[in-house]
């Protein structure tokens, strides 16, 4: 492969990785928005329990909201790990580009 074709392949690879980071960042934003909504639900339920005492339904709602928060935090952490992995790939491609003199 000639130098120009190699550089073009590296640049195409970098572009693909940057697009992947962008998509993962959008996914992270979605998880953050969901988490914010769930935290508002938790607060609402806790306030309701504080005002009126607990009922079976409120306790069930609180438990479900806590589980949803936990699941969303796991998804968010997974997404963050994937972003970091792809960013490392971008860095590696950048080093290859720099080493090639392109």
C-alpha atoms as a PDB file:
ATOM      1  CA  UNK A   1       0.000   0.000   0.000  1.00  0.00           C
ATOM      2  CA  UNK A   2       1.468   3.379  -0.936  1.00  0.00           C
ATOM      3  CA  UNK A   3       1.822   6.228   1.573  1.00  0.00           C
ATOM      4  CA  UNK A   4      -1.188   8.132   0.269  1.00  0.00           C
ATOM      5  CA  UNK A   5      -3.460   5.076   0.404  1.00  0.00           C
ATOM      6  CA  UNK A   6      -2.208   4.298   3.925  1.00  0.00           C
ATOM      7  CA  UNK A   7      -2.872   7.879   5.048  1.00  0.00           C
ATOM      8  CA  UNK A   8      -6.338   7.811   3.469  1.00  0.00           C
ATOM      9  CA  UNK A   9      -7.112   4.519   5.228  1.00  0.00           C
ATOM     10  CA  UNK A  10      -5.984   5.970   8.565  1.00  0.00           C
ATOM     11  CA  UNK A  11      -8.050   9.108   8.062  1.00  0.00           C
ATOM     12  CA  UNK A  12     -11.110   7.030   7.114  1.00  0.00           C
ATOM     13  CA  UNK A  13     -10.584   4.870  10.216  1.00  0.00           C
ATOM     14  CA  UNK A  14     -10.292   7.999  12.384  1.00  0.00           C
ATOM     15  CA  UNK A  15     -13.468   9.464  10.896  1.00  0.00           C
ATOM     16  CA  UNK A  16     -15.351   6.238  11.608  1.00  0.00           C
ATOM     17  CA  UNK A  17     -14.111   6.184  15.204  1.00  0.00           C
ATOM     18  CA  UNK A  18     -15.006   9.842  15.786  1.00  0.00           C
ATOM     19  CA  UNK A  19     -18.512   9.123  14.470  1.00  0.00           C
ATOM     20  CA  UNK A  20     -18.714   6.200  16.889  1.00  0.00           C
ATOM     21  CA  UNK A  21     -17.679   8.441  19.812  1.00  0.00           C
ATOM     22  CA  UNK A  22     -20.337  10.923  18.732  1.00  0.00           C
ATOM     23  CA  UNK A  23     -23.018   8.233  18.733  1.00  0.00           C
ATOM     24  CA  UNK A  24     -21.913   6.951  22.121  1.00  0.00           C
ATOM     25  CA  UNK A  25     -21.927  10.483  23.508  1.00  0.00           C
ATOM     26  CA  UNK A  26     -25.530  10.858  22.333  1.00  0.00           C
ATOM     27  CA  UNK A  27     -26.350   7.557  24.035  1.00  0.00           C
ATOM     28  CA  UNK A  28     -24.695   8.822  27.238  1.00  0.00           C
ATOM     29  CA  UNK A  29     -26.805  11.976  27.085  1.00  0.00           C
ATOM     30  CA  UNK A  30     -29.933   9.832  26.779  1.00  0.00           C
ATOM     31  CA  UNK A  31     -28.929   7.833  29.871  1.00  0.00           C
ATOM     32  CA  UNK A  32     -28.253  11.067  31.770  1.00  0.00           C
ATOM     33  CA  UNK A  33     -31.686  12.413  30.859  1.00  0.00           C
ATOM     34  CA  UNK A  34     -33.396   9.184  31.887  1.00  0.00           C
ATOM     35  CA  UNK A  35     -31.471   9.178  35.156  1.00  0.00           C
ATOM     36  CA  UNK A  36     -32.486  12.780  35.892  1.00  0.00           C
ATOM     37  CA  UNK A  37     -36.142  11.873  35.348  1.00  0.00           C
ATOM     38  CA  UNK A  38     -35.858   8.809  37.559  1.00  0.00           C
ATOM     39  CA  UNK A  39     -34.209  10.833  40.309  1.00  0.00           C
ATOM     40  CA  UNK A  40     -37.115  13.291  40.143  1.00  0.00           C
ATOM     41  CA  UNK A  41     -39.513  10.332  40.484  1.00  0.00           C
ATOM     42  CA  UNK A  42     -37.575   9.097  43.518  1.00  0.00           C
ATOM     43  CA  UNK A  43     -37.770  12.520  45.124  1.00  0.00           C
ATOM     44  CA  UNK A  44     -41.504  12.765  44.412  1.00  0.00           C
ATOM     45  CA  UNK A  45     -42.151   9.357  45.957  1.00  0.00           C
ATOM     46  CA  UNK A  46     -39.993  10.111  48.992  1.00  0.00           C
ATOM     47  CA  UNK A  47     -41.825  13.406  49.528  1.00  0.00           C
ATOM     48  CA  UNK A  48     -45.172  11.639  49.227  1.00  0.00           C
ATOM     49  CA  UNK A  49     -44.073   9.059  51.796  1.00  0.00           C
ATOM     50  CA  UNK A  50     -42.873  11.868  54.067  1.00  0.00           C
ATOM     51  CA  UNK A  51     -46.194  13.698  53.804  1.00  0.00           C
ATOM     52  CA  UNK A  52     -48.636  10.815  53.951  1.00  0.00           C
ATOM     53  CA  UNK A  53     -46.694   7.849  55.276  1.00  0.00           C
ATOM     54  CA  UNK A  54     -45.880   4.770  53.317  1.00  0.00           C
ATOM     55  CA  UNK A  55     -48.398   2.599  51.579  1.00  0.00           C
ATOM     56  CA  UNK A  56     -47.802  -0.668  49.785  1.00  0.00           C
ATOM     57  CA  UNK A  57     -48.074   1.117  46.448  1.00  0.00           C
ATOM     58  CA  UNK A  58     -45.636   3.879  47.396  1.00  0.00           C
ATOM     59  CA  UNK A  59     -43.118   1.369  48.743  1.00  0.00           C
ATOM     60  CA  UNK A  60     -43.461  -0.654  45.531  1.00  0.00           C
ATOM     61  CA  UNK A  61     -43.081   2.508  43.421  1.00  0.00           C
ATOM     62  CA  UNK A  62     -40.008   3.524  45.419  1.00  0.00           C
ATOM     63  CA  UNK A  63     -38.437   0.094  44.990  1.00  0.00           C
ATOM     64  CA  UNK A  64     -39.134   0.083  41.242  1.00  0.00           C
ATOM     65  CA  UNK A  65     -37.693   3.585  40.854  1.00  0.00           C
ATOM     66  CA  UNK A  66     -34.560   2.596  42.789  1.00  0.00           C
ATOM     67  CA  UNK A  67     -34.122  -0.457  40.551  1.00  0.00           C
ATOM     68  CA  UNK A  68     -34.566   1.693  37.437  1.00  0.00           C
ATOM     69  CA  UNK A  69     -31.942   4.163  38.712  1.00  0.00           C
ATOM     70  CA  UNK A  70     -29.511   1.325  39.366  1.00  0.00           C
ATOM     71  CA  UNK A  71     -30.089  -0.221  35.931  1.00  0.00           C
ATOM     72  CA  UNK A  72     -29.649   3.141  34.214  1.00  0.00           C
ATOM     73  CA  UNK A  73     -26.434   3.802  36.131  1.00  0.00           C
ATOM     74  CA  UNK A  74     -25.088   0.429  34.962  1.00  0.00           C
ATOM     75  CA  UNK A  75     -25.981   1.294  31.355  1.00  0.00           C
ATOM     76  CA  UNK A  76     -24.354   4.704  31.745  1.00  0.00           C
ATOM     77  CA  UNK A  77     -21.162   3.184  33.183  1.00  0.00           C
ATOM     78  CA  UNK A  78     -21.038   0.674  30.326  1.00  0.00           C
ATOM     79  CA  UNK A  79     -21.458   3.486  27.815  1.00  0.00           C
ATOM     80  CA  UNK A  80     -18.705   5.481  29.500  1.00  0.00           C
ATOM     81  CA  UNK A  81     -16.360   2.481  29.247  1.00  0.00           C
ATOM     82  CA  UNK A  82     -17.173   2.096  25.555  1.00  0.00           C
ATOM     83  CA  UNK A  83     -16.507   5.808  24.964  1.00  0.00           C
ATOM     84  CA  UNK A  84     -13.129   5.525  26.692  1.00  0.00           C
ATOM     85  CA  UNK A  85     -12.218   2.452  24.631  1.00  0.00           C
ATOM     86  CA  UNK A  86     -13.074   4.143  21.337  1.00  0.00           C
ATOM     87  CA  UNK A  87     -11.243   7.320  22.388  1.00  0.00           C
ATOM     88  CA  UNK A  88      -8.145   5.177  22.990  1.00  0.00           C
ATOM     89  CA  UNK A  89      -8.537   3.801  19.476  1.00  0.00           C
ATOM     90  CA  UNK A  90      -8.720   7.363  18.129  1.00  0.00           C
ATOM     91  CA  UNK A  91      -5.523   8.195  20.015  1.00  0.00           C
ATOM     92  CA  UNK A  92      -3.807   5.138  18.526  1.00  0.00           C
ATOM     93  CA  UNK A  93      -4.860   6.136  15.021  1.00  0.00           C
ATOM     94  CA  UNK A  94      -3.664   9.688  15.694  1.00  0.00           C
ATOM     95  CA  UNK A  95      -0.258   8.305  16.689  1.00  0.00           C
ATOM     96  CA  UNK A  96      -0.155   6.245  13.485  1.00  0.00           C
ATOM     97  CA  UNK A  97      -1.067   9.311  11.443  1.00  0.00           C
ATOM     98  CA  UNK A  98       1.635  11.349  13.167  1.00  0.00           C
ATOM     99  CA  UNK A  99       4.194   8.584  12.672  1.00  0.00           C
ATOM    100  CA  UNK A 100       3.361   8.320   8.980  1.00  0.00           C
ATOM    101  CA  UNK A 101       4.089  12.011   8.507  1.00  0.00           C
ATOM    102  CA  UNK A 102       0.632  12.581   7.005  1.00  0.00           C
END
